[in-house]
Amino acid sequence: MRVIALLILIIPGLFGVYGIKLLRDSFFLKTSAPFTWIESVAAASMLQGTFGLLLAMGGIGFVAGYIFNRDKKTGKVPRIDS
């Protein structure tokens, strides 16, 4: 059971790492394998950067949400009474 939980955390983490790699490559105007079919370097870099930003935000957000919910269950996050 713990192995499955670890895989559920590792896979979005790897997506986040790949998104950061795509962002870095688009910053230096290097197109990666899925975006080489676009002939314009600027357009490929913009599309690659956007896709990388989405992957990075999604992966980091998933892991951060998991950690937040785990801490909320164990009582480490203070409750705000409104």
C-alpha atoms as a PDB file:
ATOM      1  CA  MET A   1       0.000   0.000   0.000  1.00  0.00           C
ATOM      2  CA  ARG A   2       2.842   2.395   0.770  1.00  0.00           C
ATOM      3  CA  VAL A   3       4.454   1.664  -2.589  1.00  0.00           C
ATOM      4  CA  ILE A   4       1.284   2.730  -4.396  1.00  0.00           C
ATOM      5  CA  ALA A   5       1.109   5.914  -2.308  1.00  0.00           C
ATOM      6  CA  LEU A   6       4.750   6.630  -3.111  1.00  0.00           C
ATOM      7  CA  LEU A   7       4.115   6.149  -6.835  1.00  0.00           C
ATOM      8  CA  ILE A   8       1.113   8.471  -6.648  1.00  0.00           C
ATOM      9  CA  LEU A   9       3.458  11.159  -5.301  1.00  0.00           C
ATOM     10  CA  ILE A  10       6.445  10.421  -7.536  1.00  0.00           C
ATOM     11  CA  ILE A  11       4.601  10.556 -10.872  1.00  0.00           C
ATOM     12  CA  PRO A  12       3.276  14.149 -10.466  1.00  0.00           C
ATOM     13  CA  GLY A  13       6.675  15.093  -9.046  1.00  0.00           C
ATOM     14  CA  LEU A  14       8.344  13.821 -12.223  1.00  0.00           C
ATOM     15  CA  PHE A  15       5.852  15.814 -14.303  1.00  0.00           C
ATOM     16  CA  GLY A  16       6.865  18.903 -12.326  1.00  0.00           C
ATOM     17  CA  VAL A  17      10.563  18.205 -12.909  1.00  0.00           C
ATOM     18  CA  TYR A  18       9.955  17.749 -16.648  1.00  0.00           C
ATOM     19  CA  GLY A  19       7.980  21.009 -16.693  1.00  0.00           C
ATOM     20  CA  ILE A  20      10.882  22.865 -15.084  1.00  0.00           C
ATOM     21  CA  LYS A  21      13.213  21.335 -17.701  1.00  0.00           C
ATOM     22  CA  LEU A  22      10.910  22.557 -20.493  1.00  0.00           C
ATOM     23  CA  LEU A  23      10.830  26.038 -18.955  1.00  0.00           C
ATOM     24  CA  ARG A  24      14.631  26.120 -18.760  1.00  0.00           C
ATOM     25  CA  ASP A  25      14.984  24.954 -22.359  1.00  0.00           C
ATOM     26  CA  SER A  26      12.473  27.510 -23.627  1.00  0.00           C
ATOM     27  CA  PHE A  27      14.331  30.262 -21.756  1.00  0.00           C
ATOM     28  CA  PHE A  28      17.511  29.370 -23.657  1.00  0.00           C
ATOM     29  CA  LEU A  29      15.568  28.896 -26.956  1.00  0.00           C
ATOM     30  CA  LYS A  30      16.228  25.156 -27.220  1.00  0.00           C
ATOM     31  CA  THR A  31      13.314  23.115 -28.491  1.00  0.00           C
ATOM     32  CA  SER A  32      12.790  19.666 -27.016  1.00  0.00           C
ATOM     33  CA  ALA A  33      11.606  16.562 -28.856  1.00  0.00           C
ATOM     34  CA  PRO A  34       7.807  17.044 -28.796  1.00  0.00           C
ATOM     35  CA  PHE A  35       8.069  20.623 -30.103  1.00  0.00           C
ATOM     36  CA  THR A  36      10.546  20.208 -32.975  1.00  0.00           C
ATOM     37  CA  TRP A  37       7.765  20.031 -35.582  1.00  0.00           C
ATOM     38  CA  ILE A  38       7.207  23.799 -35.205  1.00  0.00           C
ATOM     39  CA  GLU A  39       9.509  25.619 -37.619  1.00  0.00           C
ATOM     40  CA  SER A  40       9.520  29.005 -35.886  1.00  0.00           C
ATOM     41  CA  VAL A  41      11.883  28.987 -32.911  1.00  0.00           C
ATOM     42  CA  ALA A  42       9.958  31.731 -31.112  1.00  0.00           C
ATOM     43  CA  ALA A  43       6.598  29.979 -31.488  1.00  0.00           C
ATOM     44  CA  ALA A  44       8.053  26.636 -30.421  1.00  0.00           C
ATOM     45  CA  SER A  45       9.684  28.267 -27.419  1.00  0.00           C
ATOM     46  CA  MET A  46       6.426  29.962 -26.376  1.00  0.00           C
ATOM     47  CA  LEU A  47       4.422  26.751 -26.707  1.00  0.00           C
ATOM     48  CA  GLN A  48       7.098  24.761 -24.904  1.00  0.00           C
ATOM     49  CA  GLY A  49       7.297  27.346 -22.119  1.00  0.00           C
ATOM     50  CA  THR A  50       3.538  27.397 -21.650  1.00  0.00           C
ATOM     51  CA  PHE A  51       3.352  23.606 -21.546  1.00  0.00           C
ATOM     52  CA  GLY A  52       6.299  23.515 -19.142  1.00  0.00           C
ATOM     53  CA  LEU A  53       4.657  26.074 -16.863  1.00  0.00           C
ATOM     54  CA  LEU A  54       1.445  24.041 -16.767  1.00  0.00           C
ATOM     55  CA  LEU A  55       3.323  20.828 -15.994  1.00  0.00           C
ATOM     56  CA  ALA A  56       5.470  22.473 -13.319  1.00  0.00           C
ATOM     57  CA  MET A  57       2.529  24.154 -11.606  1.00  0.00           C
ATOM     58  CA  GLY A  58       0.444  20.987 -11.759  1.00  0.00           C
ATOM     59  CA  GLY A  59       3.163  18.742 -10.366  1.00  0.00           C
ATOM     60  CA  ILE A  60       4.239  21.100  -7.617  1.00  0.00           C
ATOM     61  CA  GLY A  61       0.608  21.898  -6.772  1.00  0.00           C
ATOM     62  CA  PHE A  62      -0.298  18.217  -6.458  1.00  0.00           C
ATOM     63  CA  VAL A  63       2.579  17.469  -4.100  1.00  0.00           C
ATOM     64  CA  ALA A  64       1.934  20.661  -2.094  1.00  0.00           C
ATOM     65  CA  GLY A  65      -1.767  19.820  -1.813  1.00  0.00           C
ATOM     66  CA  TYR A  66      -0.933  16.339  -0.575  1.00  0.00           C
ATOM     67  CA  ILE A  67       1.414  17.700   2.076  1.00  0.00           C
ATOM     68  CA  PHE A  68      -1.138  20.331   3.136  1.00  0.00           C
ATOM     69  CA  ASN A  69      -3.947  17.776   3.483  1.00  0.00           C
ATOM     70  CA  ARG A  70      -1.700  15.368   5.385  1.00  0.00           C
ATOM     71  CA  ASP A  71      -0.685  18.114   7.814  1.00  0.00           C
ATOM     72  CA  LYS A  72      -4.311  19.206   8.178  1.00  0.00           C
ATOM     73  CA  LYS A  73      -5.342  15.651   9.109  1.00  0.00           C
ATOM     74  CA  THR A  74      -2.639  15.378  11.766  1.00  0.00           C
ATOM     75  CA  GLY A  75      -3.534  18.770  13.262  1.00  0.00           C
ATOM     76  CA  LYS A  76      -0.369  20.626  12.276  1.00  0.00           C
ATOM     77  CA  VAL A  77      -2.293  23.320  10.375  1.00  0.00           C
ATOM     78  CA  PRO A  78      -4.177  25.697  12.695  1.00  0.00           C
ATOM     79  CA  ARG A  79      -7.882  26.101  12.013  1.00  0.00           C
ATOM     80  CA  ILE A  80      -9.204  29.571  11.290  1.00  0.00           C
ATOM     81  CA  ASP A  81     -12.521  30.261  13.029  1.00  0.00           C
ATOM     82  CA  SER A  82     -14.646  32.750  11.131  1.00  0.00           C
END
